[in-house]
Amino acid sequence: MTRRDVTNTEHDDPVDRVAAAKAAPGDDPVDRLTDAAAGLALCLVALQFTVFGVFDGSSFFAILAGLGVGGLGVVKTLNA
């Protein structure tokens, strides 16, 4: 068994970390709004699946798909 070296000999510049954090994708308000709109669109598609499954009565899987897509849309919207 070998012993790992836990010391870091590289220079860690805090300015580089700040610039990298500012350049990270997903920080732009327009991107967040786009993600929220996509989540709401998923919720609307899920509502269509669920209503079709309930009122048509043909498939229980349509109801499950609607609930699953709706859950995904809610999570996507809340994470935006």
Protein backbone atom coordinates (compact mmCIF):
# COMPACT_ATOMS: atom_id res chain seq x y z
CA MET A 1 0.00 0.00 0.00
CA THR A 2 1.39 3.37 -0.98
CA ARG A 3 0.98 6.61 0.88
CA ARG A 4 -0.72 9.46 -0.97
CA ASP A 5 0.73 12.93 -0.90
CA VAL A 6 -2.03 15.22 0.36
CA THR A 7 -0.19 18.50 -0.07
CA ASN A 8 -1.08 20.71 -2.97
CA THR A 9 1.95 22.35 -4.57
CA GLU A 10 0.06 24.22 -7.27
CA HIS A 11 -0.60 27.93 -6.93
CA ASP A 12 -4.32 28.54 -6.40
CA ASP A 13 -5.18 32.05 -7.52
CA PRO A 14 -8.53 33.29 -6.06
CA VAL A 15 -9.01 35.68 -9.00
CA ASP A 16 -9.05 32.73 -11.42
CA ARG A 17 -11.71 30.98 -9.35
CA VAL A 18 -13.93 34.08 -9.34
CA ALA A 19 -13.56 34.52 -13.10
CA ALA A 20 -14.35 30.85 -13.65
CA ALA A 21 -17.43 31.09 -11.42
CA LYS A 22 -18.67 34.14 -13.33
CA ALA A 23 -18.16 32.36 -16.65
CA ALA A 24 -20.04 29.24 -15.51
CA PRO A 25 -23.09 28.48 -17.63
CA GLY A 26 -26.50 28.78 -16.05
CA ASP A 27 -25.78 31.97 -14.12
CA ASP A 28 -27.42 34.19 -16.71
CA PRO A 29 -30.97 35.29 -15.78
CA VAL A 30 -32.11 34.61 -19.35
CA ASP A 31 -30.90 31.00 -19.04
CA ARG A 32 -32.76 30.61 -15.77
CA LEU A 33 -35.93 32.03 -17.33
CA THR A 34 -35.56 29.65 -20.27
CA ASP A 35 -35.20 26.68 -17.92
CA ALA A 36 -38.28 27.77 -15.97
CA ALA A 37 -40.29 28.14 -19.19
CA ALA A 38 -39.17 24.69 -20.32
CA GLY A 39 -40.29 23.25 -16.98
CA LEU A 40 -43.69 24.90 -17.33
CA ALA A 41 -44.00 23.54 -20.86
CA LEU A 42 -43.30 20.05 -19.51
CA CYS A 43 -46.03 20.58 -16.93
CA LEU A 44 -48.50 21.49 -19.67
CA VAL A 45 -47.58 18.40 -21.70
CA ALA A 46 -47.97 16.31 -18.56
CA LEU A 47 -51.41 17.79 -17.97
CA GLN A 48 -52.42 16.77 -21.48
CA PHE A 49 -51.17 13.20 -20.91
CA THR A 50 -52.98 12.97 -17.60
CA VAL A 51 -56.28 14.40 -18.85
CA PHE A 52 -56.16 12.12 -21.89
CA GLY A 53 -55.50 9.10 -19.66
CA VAL A 54 -58.24 9.95 -17.19
CA PHE A 55 -61.03 10.89 -19.56
CA ASP A 56 -60.25 8.47 -22.35
CA GLY A 57 -59.81 5.63 -19.90
CA SER A 58 -57.76 3.68 -22.40
CA SER A 59 -54.42 3.53 -20.66
CA PHE A 60 -53.25 3.72 -17.09
CA PHE A 61 -49.74 4.25 -18.49
CA ALA A 62 -50.83 7.58 -19.97
CA ILE A 63 -51.73 8.73 -16.46
CA LEU A 64 -48.40 7.50 -15.09
CA ALA A 65 -46.52 9.17 -17.93
CA GLY A 66 -48.36 12.42 -17.25
CA LEU A 67 -47.49 12.30 -13.58
CA GLY A 68 -43.86 11.46 -14.32
CA VAL A 69 -43.42 14.22 -16.88
CA GLY A 70 -45.25 16.62 -14.57
CA GLY A 71 -42.89 15.81 -11.74
CA LEU A 72 -39.93 16.37 -14.04
CA GLY A 73 -41.38 19.71 -15.11
CA VAL A 74 -41.92 20.83 -11.53
CA VAL A 75 -38.37 19.90 -10.56
CA LYS A 76 -36.94 21.65 -13.62
CA THR A 77 -38.97 24.77 -12.91
CA LEU A 78 -38.04 24.92 -9.23
CA ASN A 79 -34.34 24.38 -9.96
CA ALA A 80 -34.24 27.28 -12.41
